[in-house]
Amino acid sequence: MAWYRLAFRPAVLQDLGTLDTAMAQRLLDKAKWLTSNVGNLRHEAIDDALPGLFKYAVGEWRIYYSLDAAEHFVDIHGIVRQGP
């Protein structure tokens, strides 16, 4: 299986900078894990109106991302905490 590259949108990195260090590190580690295991995961689409945009749950957080299989690229669009 080919290696995938990982990229974060600038706003994602700014948002992570506002979190406590342990939570930010957990979410970064999970994004790296997602990239390392992209071929083994079932990618859950957000909505039929948003083809190619997926989400991955990390506790009460969601990582929103897109994939480019041809270029072996994972692009993190957002990391958002889900409300109660």
C-alpha atoms as a PDB file:
ATOM      1  CA  MET A   1       0.000   0.000   0.000  1.00  0.00           C
ATOM      2  CA  ALA A   2       1.250   3.458  -0.891  1.00  0.00           C
ATOM      3  CA  TRP A   3       2.017   6.099   1.694  1.00  0.00           C
ATOM      4  CA  TYR A   4      -0.347   9.050   1.940  1.00  0.00           C
ATOM      5  CA  ARG A   5       0.706  12.628   2.579  1.00  0.00           C
ATOM      6  CA  LEU A   6      -1.154  14.661   5.194  1.00  0.00           C
ATOM      7  CA  ALA A   7      -2.034  18.360   5.031  1.00  0.00           C
ATOM      8  CA  PHE A   8      -3.989  20.637   7.350  1.00  0.00           C
ATOM      9  CA  ARG A   9      -5.877  23.743   6.287  1.00  0.00           C
ATOM     10  CA  PRO A  10      -4.368  26.811   8.037  1.00  0.00           C
ATOM     11  CA  ALA A  11      -7.545  27.428  10.063  1.00  0.00           C
ATOM     12  CA  VAL A  12      -7.333  23.896  11.504  1.00  0.00           C
ATOM     13  CA  LEU A  13      -3.866  24.530  12.882  1.00  0.00           C
ATOM     14  CA  GLN A  14      -5.014  27.841  14.363  1.00  0.00           C
ATOM     15  CA  ASP A  15      -7.983  26.122  16.021  1.00  0.00           C
ATOM     16  CA  LEU A  16      -5.775  23.360  17.436  1.00  0.00           C
ATOM     17  CA  GLY A  17      -3.519  26.040  18.898  1.00  0.00           C
ATOM     18  CA  THR A  18      -6.379  27.140  21.150  1.00  0.00           C
ATOM     19  CA  LEU A  19      -6.800  23.687  22.724  1.00  0.00           C
ATOM     20  CA  ASP A  20      -4.921  22.285  25.685  1.00  0.00           C
ATOM     21  CA  THR A  21      -1.728  20.571  24.594  1.00  0.00           C
ATOM     22  CA  ALA A  22      -2.843  17.019  25.407  1.00  0.00           C
ATOM     23  CA  MET A  23      -6.069  17.270  23.377  1.00  0.00           C
ATOM     24  CA  ALA A  24      -4.368  18.964  20.439  1.00  0.00           C
ATOM     25  CA  GLN A  25      -1.701  16.239  20.409  1.00  0.00           C
ATOM     26  CA  ARG A  26      -4.349  13.499  20.576  1.00  0.00           C
ATOM     27  CA  LEU A  27      -6.175  14.961  17.574  1.00  0.00           C
ATOM     28  CA  LEU A  28      -2.937  15.422  15.594  1.00  0.00           C
ATOM     29  CA  ASP A  29      -1.907  11.853  16.379  1.00  0.00           C
ATOM     30  CA  LYS A  30      -5.305  10.558  15.258  1.00  0.00           C
ATOM     31  CA  ALA A  31      -5.060  12.508  11.982  1.00  0.00           C
ATOM     32  CA  LYS A  32      -1.649  10.901  11.372  1.00  0.00           C
ATOM     33  CA  TRP A  33      -3.105   7.481  12.247  1.00  0.00           C
ATOM     34  CA  LEU A  34      -5.996   8.059   9.843  1.00  0.00           C
ATOM     35  CA  THR A  35      -3.495   8.822   7.071  1.00  0.00           C
ATOM     36  CA  SER A  36      -1.452   5.711   7.872  1.00  0.00           C
ATOM     37  CA  ASN A  37      -4.566   3.531   7.775  1.00  0.00           C
ATOM     38  CA  VAL A  38      -6.513   5.188   4.965  1.00  0.00           C
ATOM     39  CA  GLY A  39      -6.718   1.932   2.978  1.00  0.00           C
ATOM     40  CA  ASN A  40      -8.113  -0.023   5.919  1.00  0.00           C
ATOM     41  CA  LEU A  41     -10.921   2.369   6.871  1.00  0.00           C
ATOM     42  CA  ARG A  42     -14.489   2.769   5.726  1.00  0.00           C
ATOM     43  CA  HIS A  43     -14.712   6.449   4.908  1.00  0.00           C
ATOM     44  CA  GLU A  44     -18.006   7.893   6.126  1.00  0.00           C
ATOM     45  CA  ALA A  45     -19.346  10.599   3.813  1.00  0.00           C
ATOM     46  CA  ILE A  46     -20.756  13.669   5.511  1.00  0.00           C
ATOM     47  CA  ASP A  47     -23.635  14.154   3.102  1.00  0.00           C
ATOM     48  CA  ASP A  48     -24.619  13.237  -0.445  1.00  0.00           C
ATOM     49  CA  ALA A  49     -24.429  16.957  -1.262  1.00  0.00           C
ATOM     50  CA  LEU A  50     -20.741  16.981  -0.235  1.00  0.00           C
ATOM     51  CA  PRO A  51     -19.167  14.141  -2.230  1.00  0.00           C
ATOM     52  CA  GLY A  52     -15.574  13.455  -1.348  1.00  0.00           C
ATOM     53  CA  LEU A  53     -15.752  14.988   2.130  1.00  0.00           C
ATOM     54  CA  PHE A  54     -15.560  12.505   4.983  1.00  0.00           C
ATOM     55  CA  LYS A  55     -15.571  12.500   8.777  1.00  0.00           C
ATOM     56  CA  TYR A  56     -13.839  10.428  11.411  1.00  0.00           C
ATOM     57  CA  ALA A  57     -14.880  10.394  15.065  1.00  0.00           C
ATOM     58  CA  VAL A  58     -12.383  10.866  17.893  1.00  0.00           C
ATOM     59  CA  GLY A  59     -14.463  10.814  21.063  1.00  0.00           C
ATOM     60  CA  GLU A  60     -16.612  13.941  20.975  1.00  0.00           C
ATOM     61  CA  TRP A  61     -14.518  15.409  18.146  1.00  0.00           C
ATOM     62  CA  ARG A  62     -14.858  14.972  14.374  1.00  0.00           C
ATOM     63  CA  ILE A  63     -12.070  15.169  11.844  1.00  0.00           C
ATOM     64  CA  TYR A  64     -13.385  16.334   8.457  1.00  0.00           C
ATOM     65  CA  TYR A  65     -11.174  15.407   5.529  1.00  0.00           C
ATOM     66  CA  SER A  66     -10.964  14.683   1.825  1.00  0.00           C
ATOM     67  CA  LEU A  67      -8.928  12.058  -0.001  1.00  0.00           C
ATOM     68  CA  ASP A  68      -7.098  12.114  -3.275  1.00  0.00           C
ATOM     69  CA  ALA A  69      -6.323   8.456  -3.942  1.00  0.00           C
ATOM     70  CA  ALA A  70      -4.518   9.181  -7.202  1.00  0.00           C
ATOM     71  CA  GLU A  71      -2.121  11.609  -5.488  1.00  0.00           C
ATOM     72  CA  HIS A  72      -2.076   9.692  -2.162  1.00  0.00           C
ATOM     73  CA  PHE A  73      -3.112  12.769  -0.247  1.00  0.00           C
ATOM     74  CA  VAL A  74      -5.304  13.382   2.830  1.00  0.00           C
ATOM     75  CA  ASP A  75      -6.446  16.975   3.373  1.00  0.00           C
ATOM     76  CA  ILE A  76      -7.818  17.863   6.831  1.00  0.00           C
ATOM     77  CA  HIS A  77     -10.532  20.508   6.381  1.00  0.00           C
ATOM     78  CA  GLY A  78     -11.617  20.832   9.990  1.00  0.00           C
ATOM     79  CA  ILE A  79     -11.503  19.362  13.479  1.00  0.00           C
ATOM     80  CA  VAL A  80     -14.680  20.188  15.355  1.00  0.00           C
ATOM     81  CA  ARG A  81     -16.050  19.352  18.779  1.00  0.00           C
ATOM     82  CA  GLN A  82     -19.599  18.004  18.651  1.00  0.00           C
ATOM     83  CA  GLY A  83     -22.083  19.670  20.960  1.00  0.00           C
ATOM     84  CA  PRO A  84     -24.226  17.782  23.472  1.00  0.00           C
END
